Amino acid sequence: MKNVTITVDEEVARWARVEAARRETSVSRLVGEMLAEKMRAETAYEISREAFFAIPPVRLSQPGDRYPRREELHDRAGLR
């Protein structure tokens, strides 16, 4: 573990103390857990983003084909 000093507004510090007490932990551990969660979320997003862009694009229509009309796309009678 590494010690880090942070500076926050008094209102934020008050909230952190109350939240830490509610969770029965220290402010230090609360902040550490919040930062770790933020790190995991950003890492997961980057992994997902890279996986998405690694898939080559797929052509949805052939050159020269017309796009479907709105009525064709939203034809509910065809689904019944």
C-alpha atoms as a PDB file:
ATOM      1  CA  MET A   1       0.000   0.000   0.000  1.00  0.00           C
ATOM      2  CA  LYS A   2       1.087   3.533  -0.762  1.00  0.00           C
ATOM      3  CA  ASN A   3       0.088   6.607   1.271  1.00  0.00           C
ATOM      4  CA  VAL A   4      -1.253   9.555  -0.716  1.00  0.00           C
ATOM      5  CA  THR A   5      -2.304  12.958   0.555  1.00  0.00           C
ATOM      6  CA  ILE A   6      -5.327  14.562  -1.094  1.00  0.00           C
ATOM      7  CA  THR A   7      -7.033  17.910  -0.660  1.00  0.00           C
ATOM      8  CA  VAL A   8     -10.827  18.144  -0.855  1.00  0.00           C
ATOM      9  CA  ASP A   9     -13.490  20.704   0.008  1.00  0.00           C
ATOM     10  CA  GLU A  10     -14.819  20.564   3.554  1.00  0.00           C
ATOM     11  CA  GLU A  11     -18.229  19.422   2.310  1.00  0.00           C
ATOM     12  CA  VAL A  12     -16.621  16.507   0.427  1.00  0.00           C
ATOM     13  CA  ALA A  13     -14.523  15.587   3.466  1.00  0.00           C
ATOM     14  CA  ARG A  14     -17.646  15.614   5.660  1.00  0.00           C
ATOM     15  CA  TRP A  15     -19.493  13.367   3.209  1.00  0.00           C
ATOM     16  CA  ALA A  16     -16.496  10.995   3.047  1.00  0.00           C
ATOM     17  CA  ARG A  17     -16.337  10.711   6.839  1.00  0.00           C
ATOM     18  CA  VAL A  18     -20.079   9.997   7.092  1.00  0.00           C
ATOM     19  CA  GLU A  19     -19.987   7.507   4.209  1.00  0.00           C
ATOM     20  CA  ALA A  20     -16.946   5.734   5.647  1.00  0.00           C
ATOM     21  CA  ALA A  21     -18.662   5.470   9.044  1.00  0.00           C
ATOM     22  CA  ARG A  22     -21.811   4.138   7.403  1.00  0.00           C
ATOM     23  CA  ARG A  23     -19.749   1.442   5.680  1.00  0.00           C
ATOM     24  CA  GLU A  24     -17.732   0.801   8.852  1.00  0.00           C
ATOM     25  CA  THR A  25     -14.423   1.579   7.170  1.00  0.00           C
ATOM     26  CA  SER A  26     -11.861   4.383   7.114  1.00  0.00           C
ATOM     27  CA  VAL A  27     -11.920   7.376   4.800  1.00  0.00           C
ATOM     28  CA  SER A  28      -8.604   6.183   3.408  1.00  0.00           C
ATOM     29  CA  ARG A  29      -9.988   2.750   2.555  1.00  0.00           C
ATOM     30  CA  LEU A  30     -13.201   4.286   1.149  1.00  0.00           C
ATOM     31  CA  VAL A  31     -11.257   6.563  -1.200  1.00  0.00           C
ATOM     32  CA  GLY A  32      -8.939   3.709  -2.159  1.00  0.00           C
ATOM     33  CA  GLU A  33     -11.899   1.449  -3.018  1.00  0.00           C
ATOM     34  CA  MET A  34     -13.577   4.214  -5.033  1.00  0.00           C
ATOM     35  CA  LEU A  35     -10.407   4.831  -7.040  1.00  0.00           C
ATOM     36  CA  ALA A  36      -9.900   1.100  -7.609  1.00  0.00           C
ATOM     37  CA  GLU A  37     -13.495   0.779  -8.888  1.00  0.00           C
ATOM     38  CA  LYS A  38     -12.980   3.751 -11.211  1.00  0.00           C
ATOM     39  CA  MET A  39      -9.798   2.144 -12.522  1.00  0.00           C
ATOM     40  CA  ARG A  40     -11.546  -1.212 -13.130  1.00  0.00           C
ATOM     41  CA  ALA A  41     -14.458   0.487 -14.927  1.00  0.00           C
ATOM     42  CA  GLU A  42     -12.167   2.440 -17.242  1.00  0.00           C
ATOM     43  CA  THR A  43     -10.049  -0.631 -17.934  1.00  0.00           C
ATOM     44  CA  ALA A  44     -13.149  -2.712 -18.748  1.00  0.00           C
ATOM     45  CA  TYR A  45     -14.410   0.053 -21.059  1.00  0.00           C
ATOM     46  CA  GLU A  46     -11.096   0.196 -22.924  1.00  0.00           C
ATOM     47  CA  ILE A  47     -11.012  -3.594 -23.328  1.00  0.00           C
ATOM     48  CA  SER A  48     -14.581  -3.591 -24.677  1.00  0.00           C
ATOM     49  CA  ARG A  49     -13.855  -0.669 -26.987  1.00  0.00           C
ATOM     50  CA  GLU A  50     -10.760  -2.364 -28.415  1.00  0.00           C
ATOM     51  CA  ALA A  51     -12.679  -5.616 -28.929  1.00  0.00           C
ATOM     52  CA  PHE A  52     -15.475  -3.757 -30.738  1.00  0.00           C
ATOM     53  CA  PHE A  53     -13.110  -1.971 -33.107  1.00  0.00           C
ATOM     54  CA  ALA A  54     -11.121  -5.173 -33.736  1.00  0.00           C
ATOM     55  CA  ILE A  55     -14.123  -6.636 -35.583  1.00  0.00           C
ATOM     56  CA  PRO A  56     -14.066  -5.625 -39.260  1.00  0.00           C
ATOM     57  CA  PRO A  57     -17.104  -3.717 -40.532  1.00  0.00           C
ATOM     58  CA  VAL A  58     -19.807  -5.690 -42.335  1.00  0.00           C
ATOM     59  CA  ARG A  59     -21.537  -4.349 -45.417  1.00  0.00           C
ATOM     60  CA  LEU A  60     -25.288  -4.309 -44.845  1.00  0.00           C
ATOM     61  CA  SER A  61     -26.192  -3.953 -48.509  1.00  0.00           C
ATOM     62  CA  GLN A  62     -24.576  -4.493 -51.878  1.00  0.00           C
ATOM     63  CA  PRO A  63     -23.433  -1.536 -53.967  1.00  0.00           C
ATOM     64  CA  GLY A  64     -26.347  -0.249 -56.038  1.00  0.00           C
ATOM     65  CA  ASP A  65     -29.020  -1.685 -53.730  1.00  0.00           C
ATOM     66  CA  ARG A  66     -31.633   0.795 -52.578  1.00  0.00           C
ATOM     67  CA  TYR A  67     -32.162   1.481 -48.920  1.00  0.00           C
ATOM     68  CA  PRO A  68     -35.454   0.154 -47.508  1.00  0.00           C
ATOM     69  CA  ARG A  69     -38.222   2.708 -47.141  1.00  0.00           C
ATOM     70  CA  ARG A  70     -39.345   3.725 -43.676  1.00  0.00           C
ATOM     71  CA  GLU A  71     -42.670   1.971 -44.168  1.00  0.00           C
ATOM     72  CA  GLU A  72     -40.852  -1.288 -44.944  1.00  0.00           C
ATOM     73  CA  LEU A  73     -38.687  -1.051 -41.859  1.00  0.00           C
ATOM     74  CA  HIS A  74     -41.595  -0.274 -39.559  1.00  0.00           C
ATOM     75  CA  ASP A  75     -44.224  -2.567 -41.044  1.00  0.00           C
ATOM     76  CA  ARG A  76     -45.845  -4.025 -37.933  1.00  0.00           C
ATOM     77  CA  ALA A  77     -48.386  -5.981 -39.986  1.00  0.00           C
ATOM     78  CA  GLY A  78     -45.511  -8.071 -41.316  1.00  0.00           C
ATOM     79  CA  LEU A  79     -44.673  -9.121 -37.767  1.00  0.00           C
ATOM     80  CA  ARG A  80     -48.148 -10.421 -36.935  1.00  0.00           C
END
